[in-house]
N, C-alpha and C. Protein backbone atom coordinates (compact mmCIF):
# COMPACT_ATOMS: atom_id res chain seq x y z
N PHE A 1 -55.67 46.33 -132.28
CA PHE A 1 -54.27 47.27 -131.74
C PHE A 1 -53.45 46.07 -131.36
N TYR A 2 -53.98 44.22 -130.47
CA TYR A 2 -53.23 43.56 -130.66
C TYR A 2 -52.80 42.90 -131.41
N ALA A 3 -53.55 43.17 -132.96
CA ALA A 3 -52.71 42.07 -134.21
C ALA A 3 -51.79 43.14 -134.57
N PHE A 4 -51.49 44.18 -134.26
CA PHE A 4 -50.68 45.21 -135.01
C PHE A 4 -49.40 45.45 -133.62
N ALA A 5 -49.77 45.25 -132.44
CA ALA A 5 -48.71 45.21 -131.10
C ALA A 5 -47.89 44.01 -132.00
N ARG A 6 -48.49 42.83 -132.23
CA ARG A 6 -48.04 41.57 -132.70
C ARG A 6 -47.09 41.55 -133.49
N ARG A 7 -47.33 42.55 -134.61
CA ARG A 7 -46.50 42.76 -135.86
C ARG A 7 -45.51 43.92 -135.66
N GLY A 8 -45.80 44.95 -134.83
CA GLY A 8 -44.93 45.86 -134.06
C GLY A 8 -45.36 47.29 -135.05
N ILE A 9 -46.78 47.29 -135.24
CA ILE A 9 -47.07 48.30 -135.90
C ILE A 9 -47.58 49.35 -135.31
N GLU A 10 -47.11 50.89 -134.78
CA GLU A 10 -47.66 51.61 -134.17
C GLU A 10 -48.94 52.47 -135.03
N ILE A 11 -50.24 52.78 -134.19
CA ILE A 11 -51.30 53.52 -134.67
C ILE A 11 -51.09 54.90 -134.53
N PRO A 12 -50.64 55.51 -135.91
CA PRO A 12 -50.48 56.70 -135.41
C PRO A 12 -51.86 57.73 -135.13
N TRP A 13 -51.91 58.65 -134.56
CA TRP A 13 -53.17 59.02 -134.10
C TRP A 13 -53.10 60.85 -134.32
N PRO A 14 -53.85 61.48 -134.73
CA PRO A 14 -53.79 62.58 -134.87
C PRO A 14 -53.64 63.83 -133.67
N ILE A 15 -52.25 63.15 -133.35
CA ILE A 15 -52.44 64.17 -132.00
C ILE A 15 -50.98 64.35 -132.01
N GLU A 16 -50.31 65.71 -131.14
CA GLU A 16 -48.99 65.32 -130.80
C GLU A 16 -48.64 64.55 -129.64
N VAL A 17 -47.53 63.70 -129.81
CA VAL A 17 -47.72 62.73 -128.67
C VAL A 17 -45.96 63.31 -128.12
N GLY A 18 -46.10 63.88 -126.40
CA GLY A 18 -44.71 64.19 -126.50
C GLY A 18 -44.16 63.41 -124.90
N TYR A 19 -43.13 62.59 -125.10
CA TYR A 19 -42.91 61.87 -123.96
C TYR A 19 -41.59 62.22 -123.65
N SER A 20 -42.13 62.12 -122.22
CA SER A 20 -40.78 63.19 -120.83
C SER A 20 -39.84 62.48 -120.29
N ARG A 21 -39.88 61.03 -120.88
CA ARG A 21 -38.89 60.33 -120.34
C ARG A 21 -38.60 58.69 -121.18
N ASP A 22 -37.47 58.83 -121.12
CA ASP A 22 -36.81 57.81 -122.32
C ASP A 22 -37.66 56.50 -121.91
N TRP A 23 -38.12 55.76 -122.60
CA TRP A 23 -38.86 54.05 -122.48
C TRP A 23 -37.58 53.38 -123.00
N PRO A 24 -36.69 52.95 -122.40
CA PRO A 24 -35.86 52.03 -123.02
C PRO A 24 -36.02 50.55 -123.70
N GLU A 25 -36.32 50.39 -124.78
CA GLU A 25 -36.37 48.93 -125.17
C GLU A 25 -35.66 48.00 -124.89
N PRO A 26 -35.99 46.62 -124.23
CA PRO A 26 -35.25 45.66 -123.93
C PRO A 26 -34.43 45.37 -125.22
N ASP A 27 -32.99 45.55 -125.01
CA ASP A 27 -31.62 44.74 -125.97
C ASP A 27 -32.32 43.30 -126.22
N ALA A 28 -31.81 42.89 -127.34
CA ALA A 28 -32.27 41.67 -127.74
C ALA A 28 -31.51 40.29 -127.14
N ALA A 29 -30.57 40.63 -126.56
CA ALA A 29 -30.22 40.00 -125.11
C ALA A 29 -30.98 39.54 -124.16
N THR A 30 -31.14 40.54 -123.59
CA THR A 30 -32.64 40.50 -122.42
C THR A 30 -33.86 39.89 -123.05
N LYS A 31 -34.20 40.13 -124.00
CA LYS A 31 -35.32 39.23 -124.41
C LYS A 31 -35.28 37.86 -124.60
N GLN A 32 -33.82 37.51 -125.32
CA GLN A 32 -33.53 35.92 -125.39
C GLN A 32 -33.59 35.50 -123.87
N GLN A 33 -32.70 36.06 -123.44
CA GLN A 33 -32.75 35.41 -121.80
C GLN A 33 -33.99 35.31 -121.13
N GLU A 34 -34.82 36.58 -121.11
CA GLU A 34 -36.57 35.86 -120.85
C GLU A 34 -37.00 34.91 -121.42
N ARG A 35 -37.23 34.57 -122.20
CA ARG A 35 -37.59 33.61 -122.80
C ARG A 35 -36.83 32.17 -122.43
N GLU A 36 -35.60 31.92 -122.54
CA GLU A 36 -34.61 31.13 -121.93
C GLU A 36 -35.55 30.80 -120.43
N ARG A 37 -36.15 31.71 -119.72
CA ARG A 37 -35.90 31.57 -118.33
C ARG A 37 -37.66 30.85 -118.49
N VAL A 38 -38.48 31.66 -119.50
CA VAL A 38 -39.39 30.79 -119.59
C VAL A 38 -39.42 29.22 -119.97
N LEU A 39 -39.00 28.72 -120.60
CA LEU A 39 -39.05 27.68 -121.22
C LEU A 39 -37.99 26.96 -119.85
N ALA A 40 -37.32 27.39 -119.49
CA ALA A 40 -36.84 26.78 -118.17
C ALA A 40 -37.66 26.28 -117.19
N ARG A 41 -38.73 27.24 -116.62
CA ARG A 41 -39.56 26.66 -115.38
C ARG A 41 -40.94 26.13 -116.28
N VAL A 42 -40.85 25.53 -117.79
CA VAL A 42 -41.61 24.66 -117.94
C VAL A 42 -41.21 23.11 -118.09
N ASP A 43 -41.78 22.32 -117.31
CA ASP A 43 -41.78 21.18 -117.49
C ASP A 43 -40.95 20.72 -118.54
N LEU A 44 -41.86 20.18 -119.67
CA LEU A 44 -41.34 19.89 -120.90
C LEU A 44 -39.94 20.13 -121.38
N PHE A 45 -39.62 21.58 -120.59
CA PHE A 45 -38.36 21.64 -121.58
C PHE A 45 -37.34 21.69 -120.40
N SER A 46 -37.52 21.61 -119.10
CA SER A 46 -36.83 21.68 -118.16
C SER A 46 -35.69 20.60 -117.96
N ARG A 47 -36.11 19.53 -118.78
CA ARG A 47 -34.41 18.32 -118.85
C ARG A 47 -33.57 18.96 -119.80
N LEU A 48 -34.04 19.67 -120.92
CA LEU A 48 -33.05 20.12 -122.11
C LEU A 48 -31.88 20.51 -121.62
N THR A 49 -31.01 20.78 -122.46
CA THR A 49 -29.60 21.54 -122.03
C THR A 49 -29.70 22.91 -122.07
N ASP A 50 -28.65 23.52 -121.43
CA ASP A 50 -29.07 25.11 -121.56
C ASP A 50 -28.42 25.52 -123.36
N ASP A 51 -27.92 25.25 -124.18
CA ASP A 51 -27.65 24.96 -125.48
C ASP A 51 -28.81 25.03 -126.16
N GLN A 52 -29.87 23.63 -125.96
CA GLN A 52 -30.99 23.75 -126.51
C GLN A 52 -31.91 24.23 -126.23
N ARG A 53 -32.30 24.63 -125.00
CA ARG A 53 -32.79 25.73 -124.35
C ARG A 53 -32.75 26.97 -125.27
N ARG A 54 -31.24 27.33 -125.17
CA ARG A 54 -30.96 28.80 -126.29
C ARG A 54 -31.15 28.92 -127.60
N GLU A 55 -31.08 27.32 -127.84
CA GLU A 55 -31.45 27.42 -129.28
C GLU A 55 -33.24 27.96 -129.43
N ILE A 56 -34.07 26.81 -128.63
CA ILE A 56 -35.36 27.18 -128.71
C ILE A 56 -35.54 28.77 -128.78
N ALA A 57 -35.34 28.98 -127.57
CA ALA A 57 -35.39 30.54 -127.51
C ALA A 57 -35.38 31.84 -128.68
N ALA A 58 -33.85 31.29 -129.23
CA ALA A 58 -33.90 32.39 -130.29
C ALA A 58 -34.79 32.41 -131.53
N ALA A 59 -35.10 31.20 -131.77
CA ALA A 59 -36.25 30.81 -132.56
C ALA A 59 -37.64 30.91 -132.35
N SER A 60 -38.06 31.23 -131.56
CA SER A 60 -38.99 31.61 -131.02
C SER A 60 -39.70 32.78 -130.96
N ALA A 61 -41.16 32.94 -130.87
CA ALA A 61 -41.51 34.32 -131.05
C ALA A 61 -42.37 35.15 -129.89
N ILE A 62 -42.89 35.84 -129.32
CA ILE A 62 -43.34 36.04 -128.50
C ILE A 62 -44.58 37.14 -128.79
N ARG A 63 -46.19 36.55 -128.39
CA ARG A 63 -46.83 37.17 -129.22
C ARG A 63 -47.75 37.61 -127.94
N LEU A 64 -48.64 38.82 -127.98
CA LEU A 64 -49.53 39.30 -127.07
C LEU A 64 -50.91 39.32 -127.71
N TYR A 65 -52.02 38.79 -126.90
CA TYR A 65 -53.15 38.51 -127.36
C TYR A 65 -54.17 39.37 -126.07
N GLY A 66 -55.35 40.23 -126.48
CA GLY A 66 -55.91 40.73 -125.51
C GLY A 66 -56.88 40.42 -124.90
N ALA A 67 -57.69 40.81 -123.99
CA ALA A 67 -58.90 39.83 -123.16
C ALA A 67 -59.88 39.03 -124.89
N GLY A 68 -60.53 38.32 -124.25
CA GLY A 68 -61.54 37.36 -125.32
C GLY A 68 -60.85 36.92 -126.59
N GLU A 69 -59.40 37.26 -126.91
CA GLU A 69 -58.94 37.48 -127.98
C GLU A 69 -58.67 35.94 -128.59
N VAL A 70 -59.05 35.40 -129.81
CA VAL A 70 -58.59 33.96 -129.79
C VAL A 70 -57.10 33.76 -130.71
N ILE A 71 -56.75 32.73 -129.73
CA ILE A 71 -54.94 32.39 -130.17
C ILE A 71 -55.11 31.47 -131.09
N VAL A 72 -55.63 30.33 -131.23
CA VAL A 72 -56.28 29.19 -131.90
C VAL A 72 -57.45 28.88 -131.60
N ARG A 73 -57.78 28.35 -133.33
CA ARG A 73 -59.09 27.58 -133.50
C ARG A 73 -59.27 26.71 -133.81
N GLN A 74 -60.55 26.04 -132.67
CA GLN A 74 -60.86 24.48 -132.91
C GLN A 74 -60.88 24.32 -134.80
N ASN A 75 -60.24 23.20 -135.02
CA ASN A 75 -60.49 22.42 -136.10
C ASN A 75 -59.62 23.27 -137.21
N ASP A 76 -58.59 24.28 -136.80
CA ASP A 76 -57.70 24.76 -137.54
C ASP A 76 -56.10 24.79 -138.09
N PRO A 77 -55.64 24.37 -139.16
CA PRO A 77 -54.57 23.04 -138.84
C PRO A 77 -53.33 24.02 -137.88
N GLY A 78 -52.78 23.08 -137.67
CA GLY A 78 -51.56 23.80 -136.08
C GLY A 78 -50.42 23.39 -136.66
N GLN A 79 -49.44 24.15 -136.62
CA GLN A 79 -47.91 23.67 -136.58
C GLN A 79 -46.94 24.43 -135.50
N SER A 80 -47.78 24.63 -134.54
CA SER A 80 -47.09 25.31 -133.57
C SER A 80 -47.80 25.09 -132.26
N MET A 81 -47.00 25.52 -131.07
CA MET A 81 -47.59 25.23 -129.70
C MET A 81 -47.04 26.60 -129.10
N PHE A 82 -47.50 26.55 -127.93
CA PHE A 82 -47.84 27.78 -127.72
C PHE A 82 -47.33 27.69 -125.59
N ILE A 83 -46.74 28.70 -125.06
CA ILE A 83 -46.01 28.71 -123.35
C ILE A 83 -46.77 29.54 -123.16
N VAL A 84 -47.68 29.96 -122.01
CA VAL A 84 -48.10 30.89 -121.36
C VAL A 84 -47.23 31.47 -120.76
N CYS A 85 -46.51 32.55 -121.03
CA CYS A 85 -45.90 33.56 -120.13
C CYS A 85 -46.20 34.28 -118.89
N SER A 86 -47.45 35.11 -119.43
CA SER A 86 -48.36 35.96 -118.37
C SER A 86 -49.75 36.04 -118.96
N GLY A 87 -50.76 36.00 -117.91
CA GLY A 87 -51.80 36.49 -118.10
C GLY A 87 -52.15 34.82 -117.90
N SER A 88 -53.50 34.43 -118.86
CA SER A 88 -53.60 33.19 -118.45
C SER A 88 -54.70 33.10 -119.84
N ALA A 89 -55.40 31.50 -119.97
CA ALA A 89 -55.74 31.35 -121.80
C ALA A 89 -56.99 30.08 -121.07
N ALA A 90 -58.26 30.60 -121.95
CA ALA A 90 -59.38 29.41 -121.49
C ALA A 90 -59.28 28.77 -122.79
N VAL A 91 -59.74 27.00 -122.58
CA VAL A 91 -59.81 26.33 -123.62
C VAL A 91 -61.16 26.16 -123.80
N LEU A 92 -61.23 26.29 -124.79
CA LEU A 92 -63.01 26.13 -125.29
C LEU A 92 -63.09 24.97 -126.95
N LEU A 93 -64.29 24.15 -126.44
CA LEU A 93 -64.65 23.14 -127.25
C LEU A 93 -65.87 23.63 -127.83
N GLU A 94 -65.90 23.81 -128.91
CA GLU A 94 -66.77 24.22 -130.47
C GLU A 94 -67.79 23.58 -130.16
N PRO A 95 -68.64 23.42 -130.88
CA PRO A 95 -69.72 24.28 -131.12
C PRO A 95 -69.95 25.28 -129.74
N ASP A 96 -70.45 24.86 -128.72
CA ASP A 96 -70.92 25.55 -127.62
C ASP A 96 -70.30 26.06 -126.50
N ARG A 97 -68.77 26.33 -126.89
CA ARG A 97 -67.71 27.16 -126.29
C ARG A 97 -67.60 27.08 -124.82
N ARG A 98 -67.41 26.13 -124.97
CA ARG A 98 -68.05 25.09 -123.08
C ARG A 98 -66.55 24.36 -122.78
N GLN A 99 -66.22 25.75 -121.60
CA GLN A 99 -64.68 25.77 -120.96
C GLN A 99 -64.00 24.51 -120.53
N VAL A 100 -63.16 23.96 -120.77
CA VAL A 100 -62.75 22.61 -120.35
C VAL A 100 -61.55 22.71 -119.15
N ALA A 101 -60.87 24.37 -119.58
CA ALA A 101 -59.79 24.08 -118.96
C ALA A 101 -59.29 25.65 -118.75
N VAL A 102 -58.23 26.07 -118.28
CA VAL A 102 -58.08 27.16 -117.67
C VAL A 102 -56.25 26.98 -118.12
N ILE A 103 -55.24 27.82 -119.05
CA ILE A 103 -54.12 27.52 -118.79
C ILE A 103 -53.16 28.95 -118.36
N GLU A 104 -52.66 28.32 -117.06
CA GLU A 104 -51.94 29.87 -116.04
C GLU A 104 -50.78 30.21 -116.81
N ALA A 105 -49.89 31.05 -116.50
CA ALA A 105 -48.47 30.99 -116.86
C ALA A 105 -47.76 30.05 -116.20
N GLY A 106 -47.04 29.57 -117.20
CA GLY A 106 -46.21 28.55 -117.30
C GLY A 106 -46.47 27.15 -117.66
N GLY A 107 -48.48 27.50 -118.50
CA GLY A 107 -48.62 26.17 -118.82
C GLY A 107 -48.49 26.41 -120.14
N TYR A 108 -49.08 25.31 -121.30
CA TYR A 108 -48.48 25.15 -122.65
C TYR A 108 -50.20 24.51 -123.25
N PHE A 109 -49.96 24.91 -124.45
CA PHE A 109 -50.93 24.16 -125.38
C PHE A 109 -50.63 24.20 -126.79
N GLY A 110 -51.36 23.44 -127.65
CA GLY A 110 -51.04 23.31 -129.40
C GLY A 110 -50.01 21.99 -129.49
N GLU A 111 -49.26 21.38 -128.83
CA GLU A 111 -48.44 20.41 -128.16
C GLU A 111 -48.93 19.05 -129.64
N MET A 112 -50.48 18.91 -129.20
CA MET A 112 -50.65 18.11 -129.96
C MET A 112 -50.88 18.05 -131.80
N SER A 113 -51.01 19.21 -131.97
CA SER A 113 -51.17 19.59 -133.50
C SER A 113 -49.38 19.87 -134.19
N LEU A 114 -49.14 20.57 -133.19
CA LEU A 114 -47.00 20.00 -133.50
C LEU A 114 -47.04 19.15 -133.76
N LEU A 115 -47.00 17.93 -132.79
CA LEU A 115 -46.28 16.59 -133.22
C LEU A 115 -47.27 16.16 -134.30
N THR A 116 -48.56 16.08 -134.28
CA THR A 116 -49.27 14.98 -134.93
C THR A 116 -49.43 15.83 -136.39
N GLY A 117 -49.81 17.13 -136.49
CA GLY A 117 -50.01 17.79 -137.52
C GLY A 117 -51.27 17.86 -137.86
N ASP A 118 -52.31 17.15 -136.67
CA ASP A 118 -53.96 17.30 -136.80
C ASP A 118 -54.30 18.56 -136.60
N PRO A 119 -55.57 18.79 -137.02
CA PRO A 119 -56.09 20.07 -136.97
C PRO A 119 -56.11 20.63 -135.22
N ARG A 120 -56.40 21.52 -134.79
CA ARG A 120 -56.22 22.05 -133.56
C ARG A 120 -57.54 21.13 -132.98
N SER A 121 -57.66 20.87 -131.46
CA SER A 121 -58.68 20.10 -131.11
C SER A 121 -59.49 20.81 -130.11
N ALA A 122 -59.07 22.14 -129.87
CA ALA A 122 -60.19 23.17 -128.68
C ALA A 122 -59.51 24.56 -129.73
N SER A 123 -60.24 25.01 -129.05
CA SER A 123 -59.92 26.95 -129.38
C SER A 123 -59.64 27.39 -128.27
N VAL A 124 -58.50 28.45 -128.22
CA VAL A 124 -57.80 28.94 -126.86
C VAL A 124 -57.83 29.95 -127.04
N VAL A 125 -58.54 30.78 -126.04
CA VAL A 125 -58.78 32.14 -125.82
C VAL A 125 -58.17 32.94 -125.13
N ALA A 126 -57.84 34.15 -125.29
CA ALA A 126 -57.08 35.08 -124.10
C ALA A 126 -58.14 35.49 -122.81
N ARG A 127 -57.74 35.26 -121.64
CA ARG A 127 -58.72 35.82 -120.60
C ARG A 127 -58.18 36.76 -120.00
N GLY A 128 -57.69 38.21 -120.37
CA GLY A 128 -57.51 39.67 -120.51
C GLY A 128 -55.68 39.61 -121.06
N ASP A 129 -55.22 40.51 -120.95
CA ASP A 129 -53.90 40.59 -121.70
C ASP A 129 -53.01 39.30 -121.33
N THR A 130 -52.44 38.77 -122.09
CA THR A 130 -51.79 37.34 -122.23
C THR A 130 -50.86 37.08 -123.34
N THR A 131 -49.64 37.10 -122.88
CA THR A 131 -48.27 37.21 -123.52
C THR A 131 -48.21 35.35 -123.49
N VAL A 132 -47.81 35.05 -124.89
CA VAL A 132 -47.45 33.99 -125.32
C VAL A 132 -46.14 33.32 -125.97
N LEU A 133 -45.33 32.65 -125.80
CA LEU A 133 -44.28 32.02 -126.36
C LEU A 133 -44.73 30.86 -127.58
N GLU A 134 -44.49 31.36 -128.95
CA GLU A 134 -44.87 30.66 -129.52
C GLU A 134 -43.56 29.85 -130.31
N LEU A 135 -43.92 28.44 -130.35
CA LEU A 135 -42.69 27.41 -130.98
C LEU A 135 -43.35 26.50 -132.10
N ASP A 136 -42.36 26.84 -133.13
CA ASP A 136 -42.94 26.14 -134.45
C ASP A 136 -42.67 25.05 -135.02
N ALA A 137 -43.31 24.35 -135.75
CA ALA A 137 -43.04 22.69 -136.15
C ALA A 137 -41.35 22.35 -136.56
N GLU A 138 -40.91 23.90 -137.86
CA GLU A 138 -39.58 23.42 -138.06
C GLU A 138 -38.37 23.61 -136.83
N LEU A 139 -38.78 24.38 -135.62
CA LEU A 139 -37.72 24.35 -134.52
C LEU A 139 -37.95 22.83 -134.13
N PHE A 140 -38.70 22.44 -133.76
CA PHE A 140 -38.78 20.85 -133.43
C PHE A 140 -38.90 19.94 -134.21
N ARG A 141 -38.33 20.04 -135.55
CA ARG A 141 -37.97 18.99 -136.58
C ARG A 141 -36.27 18.97 -136.34
N ALA A 142 -36.01 20.37 -136.24
CA ALA A 142 -34.59 20.70 -135.86
C ALA A 142 -34.03 19.81 -134.60
N LEU A 143 -34.52 20.12 -133.50
CA LEU A 143 -34.73 19.69 -131.96
C LEU A 143 -34.00 17.86 -132.12
N GLY A 144 -35.29 17.54 -132.73
CA GLY A 144 -35.37 15.97 -132.89
C GLY A 144 -33.98 15.52 -133.92
N ALA A 145 -33.74 16.24 -134.91
CA ALA A 145 -32.67 15.74 -135.69
C ALA A 145 -31.61 15.86 -134.65
N GLY A 146 -31.50 16.60 -133.96
CA GLY A 146 -30.27 16.70 -133.01
C GLY A 146 -30.40 15.50 -131.73
N ASP A 147 -31.23 15.69 -131.47
CA ASP A 147 -31.55 14.73 -130.09
C ASP A 147 -33.03 14.63 -130.09
N PRO A 148 -33.02 12.87 -130.65
CA PRO A 148 -34.55 12.52 -130.77
C PRO A 148 -35.35 12.17 -129.23
N THR A 149 -34.41 12.09 -128.35
CA THR A 149 -35.02 11.84 -127.33
C THR A 149 -35.51 13.23 -126.52
N ALA A 150 -35.07 14.54 -126.62
CA ALA A 150 -35.64 15.67 -126.03
C ALA A 150 -36.44 15.73 -126.48
N VAL A 151 -37.78 15.51 -127.84
CA VAL A 151 -38.89 15.51 -128.59
C VAL A 151 -39.73 14.32 -127.76
N GLU A 152 -38.95 13.08 -126.82
CA GLU A 152 -40.02 12.11 -126.44
C GLU A 152 -40.80 12.81 -125.34
N GLN A 153 -40.76 13.48 -124.39
CA GLN A 153 -41.28 14.03 -123.37
C GLN A 153 -42.53 14.70 -124.02
N ILE A 154 -42.43 15.45 -124.27
CA ILE A 154 -43.43 16.32 -125.46
C ILE A 154 -44.94 15.43 -125.84
N GLY A 155 -43.92 14.47 -126.73
CA GLY A 155 -44.92 13.05 -127.06
C GLY A 155 -45.77 12.65 -126.11
N LEU A 156 -45.05 12.58 -125.08
CA LEU A 156 -46.15 11.67 -123.99
C LEU A 156 -46.81 12.34 -123.51
N ALA A 157 -46.32 13.83 -123.56
CA ALA A 157 -47.48 15.04 -122.70
C ALA A 157 -48.19 15.38 -123.95
N ALA A 158 -48.04 14.97 -124.91
CA ALA A 158 -49.55 15.21 -126.05
C ALA A 158 -50.36 13.81 -125.99
N MET A 159 -49.85 12.85 -125.87
CA MET A 159 -50.78 11.69 -125.68
C MET A 159 -51.51 11.77 -124.25
N THR A 160 -50.89 12.32 -123.24
CA THR A 160 -51.60 12.49 -122.04
C THR A 160 -52.90 13.62 -122.01
N ARG A 161 -52.59 14.66 -123.16
CA ARG A 161 -53.70 15.45 -123.14
C ARG A 161 -54.86 15.16 -123.93
N ARG A 162 -54.54 14.19 -125.08
CA ARG A 162 -55.39 13.56 -125.72
C ARG A 162 -56.18 12.54 -125.08
N ALA A 163 -55.65 12.22 -124.25
CA ALA A 163 -56.49 11.23 -123.52
C ALA A 163 -57.51 11.83 -122.46
N GLN A 164 -57.20 12.82 -121.75
CA GLN A 164 -57.66 13.49 -121.17
C GLN A 164 -59.10 14.45 -121.75
N LEU A 165 -58.85 14.86 -122.93
CA LEU A 165 -59.94 15.32 -123.98
C LEU A 165 -60.47 14.36 -124.39
N ALA A 166 -60.29 13.06 -124.36
CA ALA A 166 -61.31 12.04 -124.90
C ALA A 166 -62.09 11.92 -123.58
N HIS A 167 -62.02 12.19 -122.71
CA HIS A 167 -62.95 12.08 -121.35
C HIS A 167 -63.97 12.85 -121.43
N ILE A 168 -63.90 14.12 -121.53
CA ILE A 168 -64.55 15.33 -121.39
C ILE A 168 -65.88 15.22 -122.57
């Protein structure tokens, strides 16, 4: 269900479904503004200009994951980072699936693989319904070309997190 929902596929049920009320979908501008608000609340992106956050929000995608669903898997290649919009995610080290952290709404993960191109250093699994904002490497290349200092803070965060994982 969650994989279908991420791709906008509705499961046809062999029953008649009648909706007694209109469920308006948020328009594109509302979705864009919500992504911008999420980015503004994350310390890595708070120092960016409104235009830079608007550009990142426009190029990012919202993804929904269900309880226990793997968002990223350790040792897989990674070219994106994620910001938890709602719900939470557990960071697990393989092969014993030892939980080393929980990322709550407003937290982020995947920045190490995004910046270095290294494989994922841990698996991240949704704890309950979890919505994440995915930012890909191409977006950061464009951001870095326009303003190299904008990516510097993310690089420092990645080095800090790598040092923390080395001590676990």
